[in-house]
C-alpha atoms as a PDB file:
ATOM      1  CA  GLU A   1      -9.273 -14.910 -31.448  1.00  0.00           C
ATOM      2  CA  GLY A   2     -12.265 -17.184 -30.922  1.00  0.00           C
ATOM      3  CA  GLY A   3     -13.632 -14.845 -28.264  1.00  0.00           C
ATOM      4  CA  LYS A   4     -13.329 -11.841 -30.570  1.00  0.00           C
ATOM      5  CA  ALA A   5     -15.105 -13.658 -33.383  1.00  0.00           C
ATOM      6  CA  ALA A   6     -17.931 -14.723 -31.079  1.00  0.00           C
ATOM      7  CA  LEU A   7     -18.271 -11.161 -29.789  1.00  0.00           C
ATOM      8  CA  SER A   8     -18.451  -9.773 -33.327  1.00  0.00           C
ATOM      9  CA  GLU A   9     -21.224 -12.233 -34.179  1.00  0.00           C
ATOM     10  CA  MET A  10     -23.056 -11.358 -30.984  1.00  0.00           C
ATOM     11  CA  LYS A  11     -22.906  -7.633 -31.794  1.00  0.00           C
ATOM     12  CA  ILE A  12     -24.613  -8.366 -35.120  1.00  0.00           C
ATOM     13  CA  LEU A  13     -27.325 -10.380 -33.376  1.00  0.00           C
ATOM     14  CA  MET A  14     -27.786  -7.608 -30.824  1.00  0.00           C
ATOM     15  CA  LEU A  15     -29.039  -5.304 -33.571  1.00  0.00           C
ATOM     16  CA  ASP A  16     -32.277  -7.329 -33.627  1.00  0.00           C
ATOM     17  CA  PHE A  17     -32.652  -7.660 -29.859  1.00  0.00           C
ATOM     18  CA  GLU A  18     -35.888  -6.534 -28.275  1.00  0.00           C
ATOM     19  CA  GLY A  19     -35.697  -3.794 -25.669  1.00  0.00           C
ATOM     20  CA  THR A  20     -36.687  -6.030 -22.765  1.00  0.00           C
ATOM     21  CA  VAL A  21     -34.709  -6.345 -19.544  1.00  0.00           C
ATOM     22  CA  GLU A  22     -33.688  -9.881 -20.486  1.00  0.00           C
ATOM     23  CA  TYR A  23     -32.315  -9.000 -23.919  1.00  0.00           C
ATOM     24  CA  VAL A  24     -30.626  -5.764 -22.864  1.00  0.00           C
ATOM     25  CA  THR A  25     -28.973  -7.609 -19.973  1.00  0.00           C
ATOM     26  CA  ILE A  26     -27.660 -10.260 -22.389  1.00  0.00           C
ATOM     27  CA  ALA A  27     -26.254  -7.492 -24.599  1.00  0.00           C
ATOM     28  CA  CYS A  28     -24.590  -5.881 -21.582  1.00  0.00           C
ATOM     29  CA  ASN A  29     -23.048  -9.185 -20.520  1.00  0.00           C
ATOM     30  CA  ALA A  30     -21.633  -9.734 -24.013  1.00  0.00           C
ATOM     31  CA  LEU A  31     -20.103  -6.261 -24.160  1.00  0.00           C
ATOM     32  CA  GLU A  32     -18.717  -6.659 -20.638  1.00  0.00           C
ATOM     33  CA  LEU A  33     -16.844  -9.744 -21.804  1.00  0.00           C
ATOM     34  CA  GLY A  34     -15.627  -7.683 -24.755  1.00  0.00           C
ATOM     35  CA  VAL A  35     -14.197  -5.110 -22.360  1.00  0.00           C
ATOM     36  CA  LEU A  36     -12.353  -7.824 -20.437  1.00  0.00           C
ATOM     37  CA  LEU A  37     -11.010  -9.300 -23.682  1.00  0.00           C
ATOM     38  CA  SER A  38      -9.656  -5.866 -24.621  1.00  0.00           C
ATOM     39  CA  VAL A  39      -7.867  -5.615 -21.286  1.00  0.00           C
ATOM     40  CA  ALA A  40      -6.417  -9.095 -21.687  1.00  0.00           C
ATOM     41  CA  ASP A  41      -5.127  -8.064 -25.133  1.00  0.00           C
ATOM     42  CA  GLU A  42      -3.854  -4.751 -23.698  1.00  0.00           C
ATOM     43  CA  ASP A  43      -5.754  -2.986 -26.472  1.00  0.00           C
ATOM     44  CA  LEU A  44      -6.796   0.456 -25.229  1.00  0.00           C
ATOM     45  CA  ASP A  45      -8.548   1.437 -28.471  1.00  0.00           C
ATOM     46  CA  SER A  46     -10.719  -1.667 -28.408  1.00  0.00           C
ATOM     47  CA  PHE A  47     -11.352  -1.115 -24.696  1.00  0.00           C
ATOM     48  CA  ALA A  48     -12.601   2.431 -25.316  1.00  0.00           C
ATOM     49  CA  ARG A  49     -14.884   1.288 -28.174  1.00  0.00           C
ATOM     50  CA  ASN A  50     -16.439  -1.508 -26.122  1.00  0.00           C
ATOM     51  CA  VAL A  51     -16.990   0.771 -23.129  1.00  0.00           C
ATOM     52  CA  THR A  52     -18.686   3.379 -25.335  1.00  0.00           C
ATOM     53  CA  GLN A  53     -21.078   0.753 -26.698  1.00  0.00           C
ATOM     54  CA  LEU A  54     -21.651  -0.675 -23.240  1.00  0.00           C
ATOM     55  CA  LYS A  55     -22.516   2.691 -21.699  1.00  0.00           C
ATOM     56  CA  SER A  56     -25.448   3.123 -24.093  1.00  0.00           C
ATOM     57  CA  HIS A  57     -26.733  -0.319 -23.124  1.00  0.00           C
ATOM     58  CA  TYR A  58     -26.277   0.464 -19.432  1.00  0.00           C
ATOM     59  CA  ALA A  59     -28.369   3.603 -19.973  1.00  0.00           C
ATOM     60  CA  ALA A  60     -31.057   1.554 -21.717  1.00  0.00           C
ATOM     61  CA  LEU A  61     -31.057  -1.038 -18.935  1.00  0.00           C
ATOM     62  CA  SER A  62     -31.235   1.677 -16.289  1.00  0.00           C
ATOM     63  CA  SER A  63     -34.376   3.084 -17.917  1.00  0.00           C
ATOM     64  CA  ILE A  64     -36.238  -0.234 -17.691  1.00  0.00           C
ATOM     65  CA  SER A  65     -34.741  -1.776 -14.559  1.00  0.00           C
ATOM     66  CA  SER A  66     -34.334  -0.497 -11.015  1.00  0.00           C
ATOM     67  CA  SER A  67     -31.676  -3.027 -10.007  1.00  0.00           C
ATOM     68  CA  SER A  68     -28.440  -1.728  -8.512  1.00  0.00           C
ATOM     69  CA  PRO A  69     -25.862  -2.594  -9.609  1.00  0.00           C
ATOM     70  CA  LEU A  70     -27.227  -2.972 -13.132  1.00  0.00           C
ATOM     71  CA  THR A  71     -25.459  -6.293 -13.766  1.00  0.00           C
ATOM     72  CA  SER A  72     -23.215  -8.577 -11.754  1.00  0.00           C
ATOM     73  CA  MET A  73     -20.181  -7.110 -13.534  1.00  0.00           C
ATOM     74  CA  SER A  74     -21.182  -3.466 -14.022  1.00  0.00           C
ATOM     75  CA  CYS A  75     -19.191  -2.114 -11.053  1.00  0.00           C
ATOM     76  CA  HIS A  76     -16.129  -4.045 -12.222  1.00  0.00           C
ATOM     77  CA  ILE A  77     -16.410  -2.564 -15.735  1.00  0.00           C
ATOM     78  CA  ILE A  78     -17.098   0.957 -14.466  1.00  0.00           C
ATOM     79  CA  GLY A  79     -14.047   0.674 -12.226  1.00  0.00           C
ATOM     80  CA  LEU A  80     -11.893  -0.382 -15.178  1.00  0.00           C
ATOM     81  CA  ASN A  81     -13.158   2.596 -17.170  1.00  0.00           C
ATOM     82  CA  LEU A  82     -12.249   4.926 -14.302  1.00  0.00           C
ATOM     83  CA  MET A  83      -8.751   3.403 -14.320  1.00  0.00           C
ATOM     84  CA  TYR A  84      -8.549   4.032 -18.067  1.00  0.00           C
ATOM     85  CA  LEU A  85      -9.545   7.672 -17.577  1.00  0.00           C
ATOM     86  CA  LEU A  86      -6.823   8.080 -14.939  1.00  0.00           C
ATOM     87  CA  VAL A  87      -4.227   6.621 -17.294  1.00  0.00           C
ATOM     88  CA  GLU A  88      -5.401   9.008 -20.026  1.00  0.00           C
ATOM     89  CA  ASN A  89      -5.371  11.866 -17.477  1.00  0.00           C
ATOM     90  CA  ASN A  90      -8.952  12.640 -18.498  1.00  0.00           C
ATOM     91  CA  LEU A  91      -9.985  13.946 -15.092  1.00  0.00           C
ATOM     92  CA  SER A  92     -13.002  15.913 -16.300  1.00  0.00           C
ATOM     93  CA  GLU A  93     -14.656  12.765 -17.679  1.00  0.00           C
ATOM     94  CA  PHE A  94     -13.488  10.833 -14.611  1.00  0.00           C
ATOM     95  CA  HIS A  95     -15.471  13.159 -12.345  1.00  0.00           C
ATOM     96  CA  ALA A  96     -18.407  13.202 -14.765  1.00  0.00           C
ATOM     97  CA  GLU A  97     -18.582   9.414 -14.465  1.00  0.00           C
ATOM     98  CA  LEU A  98     -18.525   9.649 -10.676  1.00  0.00           C
ATOM     99  CA  GLU A  99     -21.567  11.927 -10.759  1.00  0.00           C
ATOM    100  CA  LEU A 100     -23.574   9.104 -12.344  1.00  0.00           C
ATOM    101  CA  LEU A 101     -22.842   6.612  -9.579  1.00  0.00           C
ATOM    102  CA  SER A 102     -24.930   5.853  -6.529  1.00  0.00           C
ATOM    103  CA  SER A 103     -23.245   5.876  -3.133  1.00  0.00           C
ATOM    104  CA  GLU A 104     -23.692   2.093  -3.046  1.00  0.00           C
ATOM    105  CA  GLU A 105     -21.831   1.679  -6.344  1.00  0.00           C
ATOM    106  CA  ALA A 106     -19.081   4.124  -5.370  1.00  0.00           C
ATOM    107  CA  SER A 107     -18.382   2.163  -2.189  1.00  0.00           C
ATOM    108  CA  THR A 108     -17.763  -1.151  -3.954  1.00  0.00           C
ATOM    109  CA  PRO A 109     -14.117  -2.334  -4.061  1.00  0.00           C
ATOM    110  CA  HIS A 110     -13.927  -2.134  -7.856  1.00  0.00           C
ATOM    111  CA  ILE A 111     -14.958   1.525  -7.934  1.00  0.00           C
ATOM    112  CA  SER A 112     -13.583   2.812  -4.630  1.00  0.00           C
ATOM    113  CA  PHE A 113     -10.104   1.702  -5.732  1.00  0.00           C
ATOM    114  CA  PRO A 114      -9.763   4.170  -8.662  1.00  0.00           C
ATOM    115  CA  ILE A 115     -11.510   6.877  -6.615  1.00  0.00           C
ATOM    116  CA  ARG A 116      -8.883   6.473  -3.903  1.00  0.00           C
ATOM    117  CA  LEU A 117      -6.097   6.477  -6.501  1.00  0.00           C
ATOM    118  CA  GLU A 118      -7.333   9.728  -8.004  1.00  0.00           C
ATOM    119  CA  ARG A 119      -7.366  11.410  -4.608  1.00  0.00           C
ATOM    120  CA  GLN A 120      -3.826  10.199  -3.902  1.00  0.00           C
ATOM    121  CA  LEU A 121      -2.670  11.573  -7.242  1.00  0.00           C
ATOM    122  CA  MET A 122      -4.334  14.925  -6.583  1.00  0.00           C
ATOM    123  CA  VAL A 123      -2.526  15.439  -3.273  1.00  0.00           C
ATOM    124  CA  GLY A 124       0.758  14.102  -4.620  1.00  0.00           C
ATOM    125  CA  SER A 125       0.797  10.932  -2.512  1.00  0.00           C
ATOM    126  CA  TYR A 126       2.759   9.112  -5.195  1.00  0.00           C
ATOM    127  CA  ASP A 127       4.221   6.663  -2.703  1.00  0.00           C
ATOM    128  CA  GLU A 128       0.718   5.417  -1.873  1.00  0.00           C
ATOM    129  CA  VAL A 129      -0.118   5.124  -5.560  1.00  0.00           C
ATOM    130  CA  LEU A 130       2.942   2.987  -6.138  1.00  0.00           C
ATOM    131  CA  ASP A 131       2.079   0.795  -3.143  1.00  0.00           C
ATOM    132  CA  ALA A 132      -1.471   0.331  -4.460  1.00  0.00           C
ATOM    133  CA  SER A 133      -0.192  -1.798  -7.335  1.00  0.00           C
ATOM    134  CA  SER A 134       0.003  -4.760  -4.973  1.00  0.00           C
ATOM    135  CA  HIS A 135      -3.587  -4.312  -3.763  1.00  0.00           C
ATOM    136  CA  VAL A 136      -5.677  -4.221  -6.946  1.00  0.00           C
ATOM    137  CA  PRO A 137      -9.278  -5.472  -6.547  1.00  0.00           C
ATOM    138  CA  ASP A 138      -8.959  -7.718  -9.602  1.00  0.00           C
ATOM    139  CA  PRO A 139      -6.078  -8.892 -11.852  1.00  0.00           C
ATOM    140  CA  SER A 140      -7.651  -7.041 -14.782  1.00  0.00           C
ATOM    141  CA  TYR A 141      -6.695  -3.768 -13.060  1.00  0.00           C
ATOM    142  CA  SER A 142      -2.986  -4.575 -13.263  1.00  0.00           C
ATOM    143  CA  PHE A 143      -2.718  -3.491 -16.920  1.00  0.00           C
ATOM    144  CA  PHE A 144      -3.909   0.016 -16.065  1.00  0.00           C
ATOM    145  CA  MET A 145      -1.830   0.125 -12.898  1.00  0.00           C
ATOM    146  CA  ASP A 146       1.293  -0.646 -14.914  1.00  0.00           C
ATOM    147  CA  ASN A 147       0.537   2.295 -17.206  1.00  0.00           C
ATOM    148  CA  LEU A 148      -0.254   4.540 -14.251  1.00  0.00           C
ATOM    149  CA  LEU A 149       2.921   3.541 -12.410  1.00  0.00           C
ATOM    150  CA  GLN A 150       4.970   4.554 -15.430  1.00  0.00           C
ATOM    151  CA  THR A 151       3.366   8.009 -15.343  1.00  0.00           C
ATOM    152  CA  VAL A 152       3.944   8.325 -11.602  1.00  0.00           C
ATOM    153  CA  ARG A 153       7.565   7.213 -11.882  1.00  0.00           C
ATOM    154  CA  ASP A 154       8.128   9.776 -14.619  1.00  0.00           C
ATOM    155  CA  SER A 155       6.733  12.492 -12.330  1.00  0.00           C
ATOM    156  CA  ILE A 156       8.971  11.385  -9.460  1.00  0.00           C
ATOM    157  CA  ALA A 157      11.981  11.268 -11.796  1.00  0.00           C
ATOM    158  CA  ASP A 158      11.250  14.818 -13.009  1.00  0.00           C
ATOM    159  CA  CYS A 159      11.299  16.049  -9.421  1.00  0.00           C
ATOM    160  CA  VAL A 160      14.335  14.008  -8.366  1.00  0.00           C
ATOM    161  CA  GLU A 161      16.601  15.238 -11.121  1.00  0.00           C
ATOM    162  CA  VAL A 162      16.084  18.896 -10.207  1.00  0.00           C
ATOM    163  CA  SER A 163      15.985  18.321  -6.455  1.00  0.00           C
ATOM    164  CA  TYR A 164      19.168  16.304  -6.036  1.00  0.00           C
ATOM    165  CA  LYS A 165      22.642  16.526  -7.476  1.00  0.00           C
ATOM    166  CA  THR A 166      23.339  12.861  -6.723  1.00  0.00           C
ATOM    167  CA  MET A 167      21.433   9.974  -5.171  1.00  0.00           C
ATOM    168  CA  SER A 168      22.416   6.455  -4.276  1.00  0.00           C
ATOM    169  CA  ILE A 169      21.041   3.796  -6.571  1.00  0.00           C
ATOM    170  CA  GLU A 170      19.502   2.030  -3.583  1.00  0.00           C
ATOM    171  CA  ASP A 171      17.599   5.169  -2.539  1.00  0.00           C
ATOM    172  CA  ALA A 172      16.366   5.666  -6.102  1.00  0.00           C
ATOM    173  CA  VAL A 173      15.129   2.066  -6.260  1.00  0.00           C
ATOM    174  CA  ASN A 174      13.192   2.561  -3.021  1.00  0.00           C
ATOM    175  CA  MET A 175      11.830   5.988  -3.909  1.00  0.00           C
ATOM    176  CA  MET A 176      10.553   4.881  -7.309  1.00  0.00           C
ATOM    177  CA  LYS A 177       9.331   1.496  -6.009  1.00  0.00           C
ATOM    178  CA  PHE A 178      11.292  -0.648  -8.430  1.00  0.00           C
ATOM    179  CA  ASP A 179      11.636  -4.335  -7.584  1.00  0.00           C
ATOM    180  CA  SER A 180      15.364  -4.368  -8.204  1.00  0.00           C
ATOM    181  CA  ARG A 181      18.436  -2.367  -9.132  1.00  0.00           C
ATOM    182  CA  GLU A 182      18.268  -3.909 -12.604  1.00  0.00           C
ATOM    183  CA  ASP A 183      14.721  -2.580 -13.128  1.00  0.00           C
ATOM    184  CA  LEU A 184      15.871   0.934 -12.253  1.00  0.00           C
ATOM    185  CA  LEU A 185      18.859   0.731 -14.597  1.00  0.00           C
ATOM    186  CA  GLU A 186      16.588  -0.479 -17.386  1.00  0.00           C
ATOM    187  CA  TYR A 187      14.259   2.472 -16.760  1.00  0.00           C
ATOM    188  CA  ILE A 188      17.226   4.866 -16.866  1.00  0.00           C
ATOM    189  CA  GLN A 189      18.426   3.382 -20.146  1.00  0.00           C
ATOM    190  CA  GLU A 190      14.993   3.666 -21.755  1.00  0.00           C
ATOM    191  CA  CYS A 191      13.670   6.900 -20.261  1.00  0.00           C
ATOM    192  CA  ARG A 192      16.492   8.872 -18.587  1.00  0.00           C
ATOM    193  CA  ASP A 193      19.575   8.422 -20.725  1.00  0.00           C
ATOM    194  CA  ASP A 194      20.976  11.760 -19.482  1.00  0.00           C
ATOM    195  CA  TRP A 195      21.358  10.368 -15.954  1.00  0.00           C
ATOM    196  CA  ILE A 196      24.899   9.257 -15.171  1.00  0.00           C
ATOM    197  CA  VAL A 197      25.278   5.892 -13.426  1.00  0.00           C
ATOM    198  CA  ASP A 198      28.443   5.791 -11.323  1.00  0.00           C
ATOM    199  CA  GLU A 199      28.957   2.091 -10.689  1.00  0.00           C
ATOM    200  CA  ALA A 200      32.041   2.697  -8.541  1.00  0.00           C
ATOM    201  CA  SER A 201      30.130   4.702  -5.928  1.00  0.00           C
ATOM    202  CA  SER A 202      26.704   3.135  -6.676  1.00  0.00           C
ATOM    203  CA  GLU A 203      25.294   6.606  -7.233  1.00  0.00           C
ATOM    204  CA  LEU A 204      23.244   8.402  -9.832  1.00  0.00           C
ATOM    205  CA  CYS A 205      24.416  11.789 -11.029  1.00  0.00           C
ATOM    206  CA  PHE A 206      21.779  14.037 -12.523  1.00  0.00           C
ATOM    207  CA  GLN A 207      22.448  16.524 -15.277  1.00  0.00           C
ATOM    208  CA  PRO A 208      22.089  20.104 -14.015  1.00  0.00           C
ATOM    209  CA  PRO A 209      19.152  22.096 -15.398  1.00  0.00           C
ATOM    210  CA  GLU A 210      19.939  23.916 -18.633  1.00  0.00           C
ATOM    211  CA  VAL A 211      18.759  27.214 -17.183  1.00  0.00           C
ATOM    212  CA  GLY A 212      18.123  28.594 -13.712  1.00  0.00           C
ATOM    213  CA  ALA A 213      19.692  27.656 -10.409  1.00  0.00           C
ATOM    214  CA  LYS A 214      22.112  24.797  -9.956  1.00  0.00           C
ATOM    215  CA  ALA A 215      20.752  21.655  -8.390  1.00  0.00           C
ATOM    216  CA  SER A 216      23.164  22.020  -5.485  1.00  0.00           C
ATOM    217  CA  ASP A 217      21.660  25.425  -4.681  1.00  0.00           C
ATOM    218  CA  ILE A 218      18.134  24.077  -4.317  1.00  0.00           C
ATOM    219  CA  PRO A 219      16.720  22.837  -0.995  1.00  0.00           C
ATOM    220  CA  SER A 220      15.856  19.400  -2.336  1.00  0.00           C
ATOM    221  CA  LYS A 221      13.148  18.175   0.032  1.00  0.00           C
ATOM    222  CA  GLN A 222      11.331  21.497   0.030  1.00  0.00           C
ATOM    223  CA  LEU A 223      11.417  21.732  -3.761  1.00  0.00           C
ATOM    224  CA  MET A 224      10.290  18.149  -4.142  1.00  0.00           C
ATOM    225  CA  ALA A 225       7.219  18.771  -1.992  1.00  0.00           C
ATOM    226  CA  GLN A 226       6.450  22.067  -3.734  1.00  0.00           C
ATOM    227  CA  THR A 227       6.865  20.613  -7.220  1.00  0.00           C
ATOM    228  CA  LEU A 228       4.531  17.714  -6.518  1.00  0.00           C
ATOM    229  CA  SER A 229       2.027  20.100  -4.966  1.00  0.00           C
ATOM    230  CA  TYR A 230       2.133  22.487  -7.928  1.00  0.00           C
ATOM    231  CA  ALA A 231       1.837  19.642 -10.437  1.00  0.00           C
ATOM    232  CA  THR A 232      -1.209  18.136  -8.776  1.00  0.00           C
ATOM    233  CA  GLU A 233      -2.830  21.538  -8.350  1.00  0.00           C
ATOM    234  CA  LEU A 234      -2.342  22.260 -12.061  1.00  0.00           C
ATOM    235  CA  GLU A 235      -3.989  18.933 -12.898  1.00  0.00           C
ATOM    236  CA  ARG A 236      -6.912  19.850 -10.657  1.00  0.00           C
ATOM    237  CA  ILE A 237      -7.338  23.241 -12.363  1.00  0.00           C
ATOM    238  CA  VAL A 238      -7.057  21.815 -15.877  1.00  0.00           C
END
């Protein structure tokens, strides 16, 4: 709470700042800390507001300074914003932000990480996306990765339940990159309550589709690949 109060006071003081490199840089640094506070609080609305304010200050700093990156934390913050746009599935703004970056900025670990994630999502490499959660460039990225992993797991689950009639619990844990059987069962309880857990055989039984072909009639691996391909292609078009 103390950090939020200090940031609010700083924002009031910033209204009287001169437009020099020194003062604009101080304003940027304050707003950058605000962005990190929002992530720590897991407050997406506050995050979006702070980033919006910060972008105008970055633009002002860019017009009076030739330094690249603009501040010591600018690539970190830009990378977090790209992660946010991925979570929100706002791909048009994601690519618009990339157009503003120099090749030097785009190659930094903080920014190349979300760029790589977006490419993996577009080609349906969900397994690589799930694995990326253990290789984030900074702990502050974990909040967005957790949100993104939920979206990816939902996509995998959508494909699994129409591609397979049954699946062992162990295979489902591995496919969806859960840490344990218990984590999978918790996910099923919260998000897939129509899945049947057969404890005796340690298998999952999926409800057949309401319309169309039976799950047993569908070539599972082929459909899985096609479904992921179609989904990512639709995202690209949209």
